[in-house]
């Protein structure tokens, strides 16, 4: 989907210039999304414009995801008194089913933590 917005200072003046979403199964109505989700934030002075609103909302969501997975990593480090690599080494070839579950949860948390950190780095370049 490709979108480009243009307009004056009035958030309701923003015009959808081009959208390719005919093949998208949901065919989102971007004007409705604009008017219901973003426009009030600009109209009430929370954000100056569309770009700042989108950027702030996106970064907030990304930071929250990073916090969730970082917290999970910290919780497991504290519980097992070691980092993931040390935990992996300590259970290698002798893990109980419970330890395997913990290992998979921990690995998933670290994978998602790295992915969200990479997304943040790309978004803030």
PDB file of N, CA and C in Angstrom:
ATOM      1  N   UNK A   1       0.847  -1.161   0.000  1.00  0.00           N
ATOM      2  CA  UNK A   1       0.000   0.000   0.000  1.00  0.00           C
ATOM      3  C   UNK A   1       0.897   1.229   0.000  1.00  0.00           C
ATOM      4  N   UNK A   2       0.644   2.151  -0.877  1.00  0.00           N
ATOM      5  CA  UNK A   2       1.419   3.377  -0.970  1.00  0.00           C
ATOM      6  C   UNK A   2       0.499   4.540  -0.675  1.00  0.00           C
ATOM      7  N   UNK A   3       0.901   5.410   0.242  1.00  0.00           N
ATOM      8  CA  UNK A   3       0.063   6.540   0.609  1.00  0.00           C
ATOM      9  C   UNK A   3       0.887   7.811   0.593  1.00  0.00           C
ATOM     10  N   UNK A   4       0.286   8.869   0.203  1.00  0.00           N
ATOM     11  CA  UNK A   4       0.931  10.164   0.293  1.00  0.00           C
ATOM     12  C   UNK A   4      -0.130  11.165   0.700  1.00  0.00           C
ATOM     13  N   UNK A   5       0.156  11.958   1.694  1.00  0.00           N
ATOM     14  CA  UNK A   5      -0.796  12.928   2.193  1.00  0.00           C
ATOM     15  C   UNK A   5      -0.277  14.327   1.928  1.00  0.00           C
ATOM     16  N   UNK A   6      -1.178  15.229   1.626  1.00  0.00           N
ATOM     17  CA  UNK A   6      -0.784  16.625   1.465  1.00  0.00           C
ATOM     18  C   UNK A   6      -1.934  17.490   1.933  1.00  0.00           C
ATOM     19  N   UNK A   7      -1.639  18.698   2.319  1.00  0.00           N
ATOM     20  CA  UNK A   7      -2.691  19.583   2.778  1.00  0.00           C
ATOM     21  C   UNK A   7      -2.135  20.749   3.538  1.00  0.00           C
ATOM     22  N   UNK A   8      -3.026  21.578   4.035  1.00  0.00           N
ATOM     23  CA  UNK A   8      -2.629  22.769   4.770  1.00  0.00           C
ATOM     24  C   UNK A   8      -2.492  22.490   6.250  1.00  0.00           C
ATOM     25  N   UNK A   9      -2.713  23.526   7.053  1.00  0.00           N
ATOM     26  CA  UNK A   9      -2.578  23.399   8.498  1.00  0.00           C
ATOM     27  C   UNK A   9      -3.751  22.652   9.121  1.00  0.00           C
ATOM     28  N   UNK A  10      -4.905  22.704   8.488  1.00  0.00           N
ATOM     29  CA  UNK A  10      -6.092  22.039   9.017  1.00  0.00           C
ATOM     30  C   UNK A  10      -5.976  20.545   8.777  1.00  0.00           C
ATOM     31  N   UNK A  11      -6.010  19.734   9.841  1.00  0.00           N
ATOM     32  CA  UNK A  11      -5.854  18.299   9.660  1.00  0.00           C
ATOM     33  C   UNK A  11      -6.941  17.687   8.790  1.00  0.00           C
ATOM     34  N   UNK A  12      -8.113  18.306   8.752  1.00  0.00           N
ATOM     35  CA  UNK A  12      -9.183  17.781   7.910  1.00  0.00           C
ATOM     36  C   UNK A  12      -8.959  18.086   6.432  1.00  0.00           C
ATOM     37  N   UNK A  13      -7.991  18.954   6.130  1.00  0.00           N
ATOM     38  CA  UNK A  13      -7.667  19.298   4.754  1.00  0.00           C
ATOM     39  C   UNK A  13      -6.719  18.306   4.100  1.00  0.00           C
ATOM     40  N   UNK A  14      -6.219  17.368   4.901  1.00  0.00           N
ATOM     41  CA  UNK A  14      -5.286  16.405   4.345  1.00  0.00           C
ATOM     42  C   UNK A  14      -6.018  15.593   3.280  1.00  0.00           C
ATOM     43  N   UNK A  15      -5.370  15.423   2.162  1.00  0.00           N
ATOM     44  CA  UNK A  15      -5.980  14.745   1.024  1.00  0.00           C
ATOM     45  C   UNK A  15      -5.194  13.483   0.711  1.00  0.00           C
ATOM     46  N   UNK A  16      -5.909  12.429   0.486  1.00  0.00           N
ATOM     47  CA  UNK A  16      -5.273  11.196   0.064  1.00  0.00           C
ATOM     48  C   UNK A  16      -4.941  11.328  -1.407  1.00  0.00           C
ATOM     49  N   UNK A  17      -3.658  11.329  -1.721  1.00  0.00           N
ATOM     50  CA  UNK A  17      -3.232  11.555  -3.088  1.00  0.00           C
ATOM     51  C   UNK A  17      -3.209  10.246  -3.872  1.00  0.00           C
ATOM     52  N   UNK A  18      -2.637   9.201  -3.283  1.00  0.00           N
ATOM     53  CA  UNK A  18      -2.517   7.958  -4.025  1.00  0.00           C
ATOM     54  C   UNK A  18      -2.497   6.786  -3.058  1.00  0.00           C
ATOM     55  N   UNK A  19      -3.312   5.808  -3.313  1.00  0.00           N
ATOM     56  CA  UNK A  19      -3.309   4.597  -2.504  1.00  0.00           C
ATOM     57  C   UNK A  19      -3.485   3.409  -3.426  1.00  0.00           C
ATOM     58  N   UNK A  20      -2.605   2.459  -3.281  1.00  0.00           N
ATOM     59  CA  UNK A  20      -2.756   1.202  -3.995  1.00  0.00           C
ATOM     60  C   UNK A  20      -3.052   0.136  -2.961  1.00  0.00           C
ATOM     61  N   UNK A  21      -4.293  -0.206  -2.822  1.00  0.00           N
ATOM     62  CA  UNK A  21      -4.642  -1.262  -1.872  1.00  0.00           C
ATOM     63  C   UNK A  21      -5.744  -2.140  -2.428  1.00  0.00           C
ATOM     64  N   UNK A  22      -5.947  -2.132  -3.743  1.00  0.00           N
ATOM     65  CA  UNK A  22      -7.005  -2.927  -4.348  1.00  0.00           C
ATOM     66  C   UNK A  22      -6.834  -4.415  -4.101  1.00  0.00           C
ATOM     67  N   UNK A  23      -5.587  -4.874  -4.014  1.00  0.00           N
ATOM     68  CA  UNK A  23      -5.346  -6.295  -3.799  1.00  0.00           C
ATOM     69  C   UNK A  23      -5.376  -6.693  -2.329  1.00  0.00           C
ATOM     70  N   UNK A  24      -5.409  -5.709  -1.465  1.00  0.00           N
ATOM     71  CA  UNK A  24      -5.416  -5.987  -0.032  1.00  0.00           C
ATOM     72  C   UNK A  24      -6.802  -6.494   0.368  1.00  0.00           C
ATOM     73  N   UNK A  25      -6.870  -7.619   1.105  1.00  0.00           N
ATOM     74  CA  UNK A  25      -8.175  -8.196   1.429  1.00  0.00           C
ATOM     75  C   UNK A  25      -9.067  -7.283   2.270  1.00  0.00           C
ATOM     76  N   UNK A  26      -8.464  -6.393   3.078  1.00  0.00           N
ATOM     77  CA  UNK A  26      -9.278  -5.535   3.935  1.00  0.00           C
ATOM     78  C   UNK A  26      -9.620  -4.204   3.272  1.00  0.00           C
ATOM     79  N   UNK A  27      -8.884  -3.813   2.245  1.00  0.00           N
ATOM     80  CA  UNK A  27      -9.099  -2.548   1.555  1.00  0.00           C
ATOM     81  C   UNK A  27      -9.433  -1.428   2.558  1.00  0.00           C
ATOM     82  N   UNK A  28      -8.461  -1.047   3.372  1.00  0.00           N
ATOM     83  CA  UNK A  28      -8.744  -0.061   4.421  1.00  0.00           C
ATOM     84  C   UNK A  28      -9.147   1.284   3.834  1.00  0.00           C
ATOM     85  N   UNK A  29     -10.087   1.925   4.495  1.00  0.00           N
ATOM     86  CA  UNK A  29     -10.499   3.257   4.103  1.00  0.00           C
ATOM     87  C   UNK A  29      -9.619   4.231   4.880  1.00  0.00           C
ATOM     88  N   UNK A  30      -8.575   4.724   4.249  1.00  0.00           N
ATOM     89  CA  UNK A  30      -7.602   5.560   4.932  1.00  0.00           C
ATOM     90  C   UNK A  30      -8.180   6.899   5.362  1.00  0.00           C
ATOM     91  N   UNK A  31      -9.157   7.404   4.624  1.00  0.00           N
ATOM     92  CA  UNK A  31      -9.798   8.650   5.056  1.00  0.00           C
ATOM     93  C   UNK A  31     -10.494   8.474   6.395  1.00  0.00           C
ATOM     94  N   UNK A  32     -11.167   7.341   6.554  1.00  0.00           N
ATOM     95  CA  UNK A  32     -11.850   7.067   7.826  1.00  0.00           C
ATOM     96  C   UNK A  32     -10.821   6.916   8.938  1.00  0.00           C
ATOM     97  N   UNK A  33      -9.751   6.165   8.672  1.00  0.00           N
ATOM     98  CA  UNK A  33      -8.699   6.021   9.680  1.00  0.00           C
ATOM     99  C   UNK A  33      -8.097   7.373  10.037  1.00  0.00           C
ATOM    100  N   UNK A  34      -7.844   8.182   9.030  1.00  0.00           N
ATOM    101  CA  UNK A  34      -7.288   9.511   9.250  1.00  0.00           C
ATOM    102  C   UNK A  34      -8.196  10.331  10.144  1.00  0.00           C
ATOM    103  N   UNK A  35      -9.470  10.407   9.775  1.00  0.00           N
ATOM    104  CA  UNK A  35     -10.418  11.256  10.513  1.00  0.00           C
ATOM    105  C   UNK A  35     -10.683  10.741  11.924  1.00  0.00           C
ATOM    106  N   UNK A  36     -10.718   9.436  12.118  1.00  0.00           N
ATOM    107  CA  UNK A  36     -11.059   8.903  13.437  1.00  0.00           C
ATOM    108  C   UNK A  36      -9.870   8.735  14.364  1.00  0.00           C
ATOM    109  N   UNK A  37      -8.681   8.477  13.815  1.00  0.00           N
ATOM    110  CA  UNK A  37      -7.536   8.187  14.679  1.00  0.00           C
ATOM    111  C   UNK A  37      -6.512   9.301  14.792  1.00  0.00           C
ATOM    112  N   UNK A  38      -6.155   9.911  13.698  1.00  0.00           N
ATOM    113  CA  UNK A  38      -5.056  10.872  13.710  1.00  0.00           C
ATOM    114  C   UNK A  38      -5.545  12.312  13.783  1.00  0.00           C
ATOM    115  N   UNK A  39      -6.558  12.622  13.041  1.00  0.00           N
ATOM    116  CA  UNK A  39      -7.040  13.994  12.976  1.00  0.00           C
ATOM    117  C   UNK A  39      -7.366  14.598  14.351  1.00  0.00           C
ATOM    118  N   UNK A  40      -8.035  13.864  15.247  1.00  0.00           N
ATOM    119  CA  UNK A  40      -8.317  14.441  16.574  1.00  0.00           C
ATOM    120  C   UNK A  40      -7.048  14.801  17.354  1.00  0.00           C
ATOM    121  N   UNK A  41      -6.009  14.010  17.190  1.00  0.00           N
ATOM    122  CA  UNK A  41      -4.749  14.293  17.891  1.00  0.00           C
ATOM    123  C   UNK A  41      -4.135  15.603  17.417  1.00  0.00           C
ATOM    124  N   UNK A  42      -4.283  15.882  16.150  1.00  0.00           N
ATOM    125  CA  UNK A  42      -3.749  17.126  15.597  1.00  0.00           C
ATOM    126  C   UNK A  42      -4.672  18.287  15.939  1.00  0.00           C
ATOM    127  N   UNK A  43      -5.967  18.072  15.765  1.00  0.00           N
ATOM    128  CA  UNK A  43      -6.953  19.121  16.042  1.00  0.00           C
ATOM    129  C   UNK A  43      -6.877  19.604  17.495  1.00  0.00           C
ATOM    130  N   UNK A  44      -6.654  18.678  18.419  1.00  0.00           N
ATOM    131  CA  UNK A  44      -6.594  19.036  19.846  1.00  0.00           C
ATOM    132  C   UNK A  44      -5.214  19.518  20.272  1.00  0.00           C
ATOM    133  N   UNK A  45      -4.281  19.566  19.334  1.00  0.00           N
ATOM    134  CA  UNK A  45      -2.964  20.114  19.630  1.00  0.00           C
ATOM    135  C   UNK A  45      -1.995  19.146  20.269  1.00  0.00           C
ATOM    136  N   UNK A  46      -2.333  17.864  20.297  1.00  0.00           N
ATOM    137  CA  UNK A  46      -1.419  16.877  20.862  1.00  0.00           C
ATOM    138  C   UNK A  46      -0.173  16.749  19.980  1.00  0.00           C
ATOM    139  N   UNK A  47      -0.393  16.786  18.661  1.00  0.00           N
ATOM    140  CA  UNK A  47       0.696  16.756  17.691  1.00  0.00           C
ATOM    141  C   UNK A  47       0.497  17.878  16.690  1.00  0.00           C
ATOM    142  N   UNK A  48       1.618  18.336  16.111  1.00  0.00           N
ATOM    143  CA  UNK A  48       1.568  19.434  15.130  1.00  0.00           C
ATOM    144  C   UNK A  48       1.064  18.988  13.765  1.00  0.00           C
ATOM    145  N   UNK A  49       1.421  17.754  13.367  1.00  0.00           N
ATOM    146  CA  UNK A  49       1.061  17.308  12.027  1.00  0.00           C
ATOM    147  C   UNK A  49       1.053  15.782  11.978  1.00  0.00           C
ATOM    148  N   UNK A  50       0.661  15.285  10.801  1.00  0.00           N
ATOM    149  CA  UNK A  50       0.538  13.847  10.600  1.00  0.00           C
ATOM    150  C   UNK A  50       1.855  13.116  10.839  1.00  0.00           C
ATOM    151  N   UNK A  51       2.936  13.644  10.286  1.00  0.00           N
ATOM    152  CA  UNK A  51       4.230  12.974  10.405  1.00  0.00           C
ATOM    153  C   UNK A  51       4.667  12.844  11.854  1.00  0.00           C
ATOM    154  N   UNK A  52       4.486  13.897  12.626  1.00  0.00           N
ATOM    155  CA  UNK A  52       4.879  13.838  14.048  1.00  0.00           C
ATOM    156  C   UNK A  52       3.988  12.882  14.829  1.00  0.00           C
ATOM    157  N   UNK A  53       2.698  12.884  14.498  1.00  0.00           N
ATOM    158  CA  UNK A  53       1.773  11.976  15.175  1.00  0.00           C
ATOM    159  C   UNK A  53       2.146  10.523  14.893  1.00  0.00           C
ATOM    160  N   UNK A  54       2.311  10.201  13.628  1.00  0.00           N
ATOM    161  CA  UNK A  54       2.646   8.833  13.254  1.00  0.00           C
ATOM    162  C   UNK A  54       3.979   8.411  13.855  1.00  0.00           C
ATOM    163  N   UNK A  55       4.971   9.274  13.781  1.00  0.00           N
ATOM    164  CA  UNK A  55       6.285   8.962  14.324  1.00  0.00           C
ATOM    165  C   UNK A  55       6.220   8.707  15.831  1.00  0.00           C
ATOM    166  N   UNK A  56       5.553   9.582  16.550  1.00  0.00           N
ATOM    167  CA  UNK A  56       5.466   9.435  18.007  1.00  0.00           C
ATOM    168  C   UNK A  56       4.700   8.182  18.407  1.00  0.00           C
ATOM    169  N   UNK A  57       3.597   7.925  17.738  1.00  0.00           N
ATOM    170  CA  UNK A  57       2.795   6.746  18.063  1.00  0.00           C
ATOM    171  C   UNK A  57       3.549   5.461  17.746  1.00  0.00           C
ATOM    172  N   UNK A  58       4.227   5.445  16.628  1.00  0.00           N
ATOM    173  CA  UNK A  58       4.991   4.268  16.245  1.00  0.00           C
ATOM    174  C   UNK A  58       6.150   4.019  17.209  1.00  0.00           C
ATOM    175  N   UNK A  59       6.889   5.070  17.533  1.00  0.00           N
ATOM    176  CA  UNK A  59       8.013   4.905  18.465  1.00  0.00           C
ATOM    177  C   UNK A  59       7.537   4.473  19.850  1.00  0.00           C
ATOM    178  N   UNK A  60       6.401   4.995  20.281  1.00  0.00           N
ATOM    179  CA  UNK A  60       5.850   4.587  21.565  1.00  0.00           C
ATOM    180  C   UNK A  60       5.541   3.095  21.565  1.00  0.00           C
ATOM    181  N   UNK A  61       4.909   2.617  20.493  1.00  0.00           N
ATOM    182  CA  UNK A  61       4.576   1.199  20.402  1.00  0.00           C
ATOM    183  C   UNK A  61       5.852   0.349  20.376  1.00  0.00           C
ATOM    184  N   UNK A  62       6.821   0.748  19.582  1.00  0.00           N
ATOM    185  CA  UNK A  62       8.082   0.009  19.497  1.00  0.00           C
ATOM    186  C   UNK A  62       8.768  -0.036  20.866  1.00  0.00           C
ATOM    187  N   UNK A  63       8.820   1.104  21.547  1.00  0.00           N
ATOM    188  CA  UNK A  63       9.466   1.156  22.871  1.00  0.00           C
ATOM    189  C   UNK A  63       8.749   0.271  23.882  1.00  0.00           C
ATOM    190  N   UNK A  64       7.443   0.195  23.780  1.00  0.00           N
ATOM    191  CA  UNK A  64       6.683  -0.685  24.682  1.00  0.00           C
ATOM    192  C   UNK A  64       7.002  -2.153  24.414  1.00  0.00           C
ATOM    193  N   UNK A  65       7.136  -2.515  23.151  1.00  0.00           N
ATOM    194  CA  UNK A  65       7.493  -3.894  22.817  1.00  0.00           C
ATOM    195  C   UNK A  65       8.902  -4.222  23.324  1.00  0.00           C
ATOM    196  N   UNK A  66       9.815  -3.309  23.158  1.00  0.00           N
ATOM    197  CA  UNK A  66      11.181  -3.509  23.670  1.00  0.00           C
ATOM    198  C   UNK A  66      11.143  -3.686  25.186  1.00  0.00           C
ATOM    199  N   UNK A  67      10.357  -2.892  25.867  1.00  0.00           N
ATOM    200  CA  UNK A  67      10.258  -2.994  27.326  1.00  0.00           C
ATOM    201  C   UNK A  67       9.689  -4.342  27.761  1.00  0.00           C
ATOM    202  N   UNK A  68       8.696  -4.849  27.051  1.00  0.00           N
ATOM    203  CA  UNK A  68       8.093  -6.142  27.388  1.00  0.00           C
ATOM    204  C   UNK A  68       9.129  -7.251  27.304  1.00  0.00           C
ATOM    205  N   UNK A  69       9.840  -7.317  26.189  1.00  0.00           N
ATOM    206  CA  UNK A  69      10.794  -8.411  25.993  1.00  0.00           C
ATOM    207  C   UNK A  69      12.063  -8.233  26.829  1.00  0.00           C
ATOM    208  N   UNK A  70      12.455  -7.015  27.086  1.00  0.00           N
ATOM    209  CA  UNK A  70      13.596  -6.754  27.958  1.00  0.00           C
ATOM    210  C   UNK A  70      13.258  -7.163  29.388  1.00  0.00           C
ATOM    211  N   UNK A  71      12.037  -6.858  29.804  1.00  0.00           N
ATOM    212  CA  UNK A  71      11.583  -7.228  31.141  1.00  0.00           C
ATOM    213  C   UNK A  71      11.544  -8.750  31.312  1.00  0.00           C
ATOM    214  N   UNK A  72      11.071  -9.439  30.279  1.00  0.00           N
ATOM    215  CA  UNK A  72      11.029 -10.911  30.331  1.00  0.00           C
ATOM    216  C   UNK A  72      12.448 -11.469  30.453  1.00  0.00           C
ATOM    217  N   UNK A  73      13.382 -10.920  29.686  1.00  0.00           N
ATOM    218  CA  UNK A  73      14.780 -11.349  29.772  1.00  0.00           C
ATOM    219  C   UNK A  73      15.332 -11.095  31.172  1.00  0.00           C
ATOM    220  N   UNK A  74      15.092  -9.904  31.704  1.00  0.00           N
ATOM    221  CA  UNK A  74      15.584  -9.567  33.044  1.00  0.00           C
ATOM    222  C   UNK A  74      14.976 -10.477  34.107  1.00  0.00           C
ATOM    223  N   UNK A  75      13.700 -10.768  33.966  1.00  0.00           N
ATOM    224  CA  UNK A  75      13.011 -11.645  34.927  1.00  0.00           C
ATOM    225  C   UNK A  75      13.642 -13.040  34.929  1.00  0.00           C
ATOM    226  N   UNK A  76      13.916 -13.572  33.758  1.00  0.00           N
ATOM    227  CA  UNK A  76      14.515 -14.904  33.682  1.00  0.00           C
ATOM    228  C   UNK A  76      15.962 -14.903  34.157  1.00  0.00           C
ATOM    229  N   UNK A  77      16.699 -13.844  33.859  1.00  0.00           N
ATOM    230  CA  UNK A  77      18.073 -13.721  34.376  1.00  0.00           C
ATOM    231  C   UNK A  77      18.072 -13.756  35.899  1.00  0.00           C
ATOM    232  N   UNK A  78      17.146 -13.024  36.490  1.00  0.00           N
ATOM    233  CA  UNK A  78      17.057 -12.962  37.952  1.00  0.00           C
ATOM    234  C   UNK A  78      16.639 -14.312  38.525  1.00  0.00           C
ATOM    235  N   UNK A  79      15.635 -14.922  37.922  1.00  0.00           N
ATOM    236  CA  UNK A  79      15.129 -16.197  38.438  1.00  0.00           C
ATOM    237  C   UNK A  79      16.200 -17.288  38.389  1.00  0.00           C
ATOM    238  N   UNK A  80      16.971 -17.343  37.309  1.00  0.00           N
ATOM    239  CA  UNK A  80      17.943 -18.416  37.142  1.00  0.00           C
ATOM    240  C   UNK A  80      19.376 -17.992  37.460  1.00  0.00           C
ATOM    241  N   UNK A  81      19.546 -16.732  37.859  1.00  0.00           N
ATOM    242  CA  UNK A  81      20.836 -16.198  38.284  1.00  0.00           C
ATOM    243  C   UNK A  81      21.943 -16.409  37.246  1.00  0.00           C
ATOM    244  N   UNK A  82      21.568 -16.270  35.968  1.00  0.00           N
ATOM    245  CA  UNK A  82      22.520 -16.392  34.871  1.00  0.00           C
ATOM    246  C   UNK A  82      21.880 -15.844  33.600  1.00  0.00           C
ATOM    247  N   UNK A  83      22.707 -15.596  32.600  1.00  0.00           N
ATOM    248  CA  UNK A  83      22.163 -15.118  31.330  1.00  0.00           C
ATOM    249  C   UNK A  83      21.707 -16.310  30.490  1.00  0.00           C
ATOM    250  N   UNK A  84      21.119 -16.024  29.341  1.00  0.00           N
ATOM    251  CA  UNK A  84      20.558 -17.067  28.494  1.00  0.00           C
ATOM    252  C   UNK A  84      21.609 -18.061  28.022  1.00  0.00           C
ATOM    253  N   UNK A  85      22.762 -17.563  27.592  1.00  0.00           N
ATOM    254  CA  UNK A  85      23.810 -18.468  27.102  1.00  0.00           C
ATOM    255  C   UNK A  85      24.281 -19.423  28.189  1.00  0.00           C
ATOM    256  N   UNK A  86      24.444 -18.903  29.399  1.00  0.00           N
ATOM    257  CA  UNK A  86      24.866 -19.766  30.518  1.00  0.00           C
ATOM    258  C   UNK A  86      23.778 -20.778  30.855  1.00  0.00           C
ATOM    259  N   UNK A  87      22.534 -20.332  30.829  1.00  0.00           N
ATOM    260  CA  UNK A  87      21.420 -21.242  31.081  1.00  0.00           C
ATOM    261  C   UNK A  87      21.396 -22.349  30.026  1.00  0.00           C
ATOM    262  N   UNK A  88      21.587 -21.970  28.770  1.00  0.00           N
ATOM    263  CA  UNK A  88      21.589 -22.949  27.672  1.00  0.00           C
ATOM    264  C   UNK A  88      22.672 -24.008  27.889  1.00  0.00           C
ATOM    265  N   UNK A  89      23.852 -23.541  28.260  1.00  0.00           N
ATOM    266  CA  UNK A  89      24.968 -24.457  28.496  1.00  0.00           C
ATOM    267  C   UNK A  89      24.678 -25.378  29.678  1.00  0.00           C
ATOM    268  N   UNK A  90      24.077 -24.837  30.721  1.00  0.00           N
ATOM    269  CA  UNK A  90      23.841 -25.626  31.934  1.00  0.00           C
ATOM    270  C   UNK A  90      22.801 -26.732  31.753  1.00  0.00           C
ATOM    271  N   UNK A  91      21.897 -26.583  30.788  1.00  0.00           N
ATOM    272  CA  UNK A  91      20.874 -27.618  30.600  1.00  0.00           C
ATOM    273  C   UNK A  91      21.113 -28.486  29.368  1.00  0.00           C
ATOM    274  N   UNK A  92      22.188 -28.225  28.646  1.00  0.00           N
ATOM    275  CA  UNK A  92      22.460 -28.950  27.398  1.00  0.00           C
ATOM    276  C   UNK A  92      22.554 -30.452  27.671  1.00  0.00           C
ATOM    277  N   UNK A  93      21.792 -31.216  26.875  1.00  0.00           N
ATOM    278  CA  UNK A  93      21.748 -32.685  26.932  1.00  0.00           C
ATOM    279  C   UNK A  93      21.186 -33.258  28.228  1.00  0.00           C
ATOM    280  N   UNK A  94      20.614 -32.420  29.080  1.00  0.00           N
ATOM    281  CA  UNK A  94      20.034 -32.952  30.328  1.00  0.00           C
ATOM    282  C   UNK A  94      18.822 -32.145  30.791  1.00  0.00           C
ATOM    283  N   UNK A  95      18.209 -31.411  29.889  1.00  0.00           N
ATOM    284  CA  UNK A  95      17.091 -30.537  30.250  1.00  0.00           C
ATOM    285  C   UNK A  95      15.823 -31.330  30.549  1.00  0.00           C
ATOM    286  N   UNK A  96      15.132 -30.891  31.556  1.00  0.00           N
ATOM    287  CA  UNK A  96      13.806 -31.434  31.844  1.00  0.00           C
ATOM    288  C   UNK A  96      12.813 -30.763  30.895  1.00  0.00           C
ATOM    289  N   UNK A  97      11.619 -31.315  30.756  1.00  0.00           N
ATOM    290  CA  UNK A  97      10.618 -30.655  29.916  1.00  0.00           C
ATOM    291  C   UNK A  97      10.324 -29.218  30.369  1.00  0.00           C
ATOM    292  N   UNK A  98      10.331 -28.990  31.665  1.00  0.00           N
ATOM    293  CA  UNK A  98      10.098 -27.643  32.187  1.00  0.00           C
ATOM    294  C   UNK A  98      11.222 -26.691  31.786  1.00  0.00           C
ATOM    295  N   UNK A  99      12.458 -27.175  31.872  1.00  0.00           N
ATOM    296  CA  UNK A  99      13.601 -26.362  31.469  1.00  0.00           C
ATOM    297  C   UNK A  99      13.577 -26.071  29.970  1.00  0.00           C
ATOM    298  N   UNK A 100      13.139 -27.038  29.179  1.00  0.00           N
ATOM    299  CA  UNK A 100      13.012 -26.812  27.742  1.00  0.00           C
ATOM    300  C   UNK A 100      11.983 -25.722  27.451  1.00  0.00           C
ATOM    301  N   UNK A 101      10.881 -25.733  28.193  1.00  0.00           N
ATOM    302  CA  UNK A 101       9.858 -24.698  28.033  1.00  0.00           C
ATOM    303  C   UNK A 101      10.418 -23.321  28.374  1.00  0.00           C
ATOM    304  N   UNK A 102      11.150 -23.258  29.484  1.00  0.00           N
ATOM    305  CA  UNK A 102      11.770 -21.991  29.882  1.00  0.00           C
ATOM    306  C   UNK A 102      12.748 -21.541  28.810  1.00  0.00           C
ATOM    307  N   UNK A 103      13.560 -22.471  28.304  1.00  0.00           N
ATOM    308  CA  UNK A 103      14.538 -22.138  27.272  1.00  0.00           C
ATOM    309  C   UNK A 103      13.852 -21.568  26.031  1.00  0.00           C
ATOM    310  N   UNK A 104      12.763 -22.196  25.595  1.00  0.00           N
ATOM    311  CA  UNK A 104      12.047 -21.711  24.407  1.00  0.00           C
ATOM    312  C   UNK A 104      11.432 -20.333  24.649  1.00  0.00           C
ATOM    313  N   UNK A 105      10.854 -20.123  25.834  1.00  0.00           N
ATOM    314  CA  UNK A 105      10.286 -18.801  26.166  1.00  0.00           C
ATOM    315  C   UNK A 105      11.377 -17.737  26.182  1.00  0.00           C
ATOM    316  N   UNK A 106      12.497 -18.064  26.796  1.00  0.00           N
ATOM    317  CA  UNK A 106      13.606 -17.122  26.915  1.00  0.00           C
ATOM    318  C   UNK A 106      14.179 -16.789  25.541  1.00  0.00           C
ATOM    319  N   UNK A 107      14.392 -17.848  24.733  1.00  0.00           N
ATOM    320  CA  UNK A 107      14.912 -17.614  23.393  1.00  0.00           C
ATOM    321  C   UNK A 107      13.959 -16.728  22.586  1.00  0.00           C
ATOM    322  N   UNK A 108      12.661 -16.991  22.678  1.00  0.00           N
ATOM    323  CA  UNK A 108      11.673 -16.183  21.959  1.00  0.00           C
ATOM    324  C   UNK A 108      11.721 -14.728  22.401  1.00  0.00           C
ATOM    325  N   UNK A 109      11.827 -14.520  23.696  1.00  0.00           N
ATOM    326  CA  UNK A 109      11.899 -13.154  24.217  1.00  0.00           C
ATOM    327  C   UNK A 109      13.116 -12.425  23.652  1.00  0.00           C
ATOM    328  N   UNK A 110      14.250 -13.117  23.597  1.00  0.00           N
ATOM    329  CA  UNK A 110      15.471 -12.494  23.067  1.00  0.00           C
ATOM    330  C   UNK A 110      15.375 -12.238  21.562  1.00  0.00           C
ATOM    331  N   UNK A 111      14.767 -13.156  20.825  1.00  0.00           N
ATOM    332  CA  UNK A 111      14.594 -12.963  19.379  1.00  0.00           C
ATOM    333  C   UNK A 111      13.730 -11.734  19.129  1.00  0.00           C
ATOM    334  N   UNK A 112      12.598 -11.646  19.827  1.00  0.00           N
ATOM    335  CA  UNK A 112      11.709 -10.498  19.629  1.00  0.00           C
ATOM    336  C   UNK A 112      12.335  -9.203  20.132  1.00  0.00           C
ATOM    337  N   UNK A 113      13.085  -9.271  21.220  1.00  0.00           N
ATOM    338  CA  UNK A 113      13.787  -8.087  21.713  1.00  0.00           C
ATOM    339  C   UNK A 113      14.731  -7.562  20.643  1.00  0.00           C
ATOM    340  N   UNK A 114      15.533  -8.435  20.047  1.00  0.00           N
ATOM    341  CA  UNK A 114      16.464  -8.017  18.993  1.00  0.00           C
ATOM    342  C   UNK A 114      15.730  -7.470  17.772  1.00  0.00           C
ATOM    343  N   UNK A 115      14.635  -8.095  17.399  1.00  0.00           N
ATOM    344  CA  UNK A 115      13.868  -7.628  16.237  1.00  0.00           C
ATOM    345  C   UNK A 115      13.308  -6.231  16.477  1.00  0.00           C
ATOM    346  N   UNK A 116      12.715  -6.004  17.646  1.00  0.00           N
ATOM    347  CA  UNK A 116      12.157  -4.677  17.937  1.00  0.00           C
ATOM    348  C   UNK A 116      13.256  -3.634  18.056  1.00  0.00           C
ATOM    349  N   UNK A 117      14.403  -4.015  18.611  1.00  0.00           N
ATOM    350  CA  UNK A 117      15.527  -3.076  18.660  1.00  0.00           C
ATOM    351  C   UNK A 117      16.020  -2.731  17.264  1.00  0.00           C
ATOM    352  N   UNK A 118      16.040  -3.711  16.373  1.00  0.00           N
ATOM    353  CA  UNK A 118      16.451  -3.459  14.991  1.00  0.00           C
ATOM    354  C   UNK A 118      15.440  -2.558  14.288  1.00  0.00           C
ATOM    355  N   UNK A 119      14.168  -2.790  14.526  1.00  0.00           N
ATOM    356  CA  UNK A 119      13.126  -1.939  13.928  1.00  0.00           C
ATOM    357  C   UNK A 119      13.298  -0.512  14.420  1.00  0.00           C
ATOM    358  N   UNK A 120      13.526  -0.357  15.720  1.00  0.00           N
ATOM    359  CA  UNK A 120      13.699   1.002  16.268  1.00  0.00           C
ATOM    360  C   UNK A 120      14.894   1.702  15.638  1.00  0.00           C
ATOM    361  N   UNK A 121      15.985   0.970  15.491  1.00  0.00           N
ATOM    362  CA  UNK A 121      17.181   1.561  14.882  1.00  0.00           C
ATOM    363  C   UNK A 121      16.891   2.013  13.452  1.00  0.00           C
ATOM    364  N   UNK A 122      16.134   1.223  12.707  1.00  0.00           N
ATOM    365  CA  UNK A 122      15.813   1.587  11.332  1.00  0.00           C
ATOM    366  C   UNK A 122      14.859   2.781  11.270  1.00  0.00           C
ATOM    367  N   UNK A 123      13.912   2.816  12.175  1.00  0.00           N
ATOM    368  CA  UNK A 123      12.917   3.893  12.180  1.00  0.00           C
ATOM    369  C   UNK A 123      13.540   5.219  12.593  1.00  0.00           C
ATOM    370  N   UNK A 124      14.550   5.182  13.447  1.00  0.00           N
ATOM    371  CA  UNK A 124      15.139   6.417  13.969  1.00  0.00           C
ATOM    372  C   UNK A 124      16.391   6.849  13.217  1.00  0.00           C
ATOM    373  N   UNK A 125      16.754   6.174  12.150  1.00  0.00           N
ATOM    374  CA  UNK A 125      17.938   6.570  11.382  1.00  0.00           C
ATOM    375  C   UNK A 125      17.747   7.929  10.758  1.00  0.00           C
TER     376      UNK A 125
END
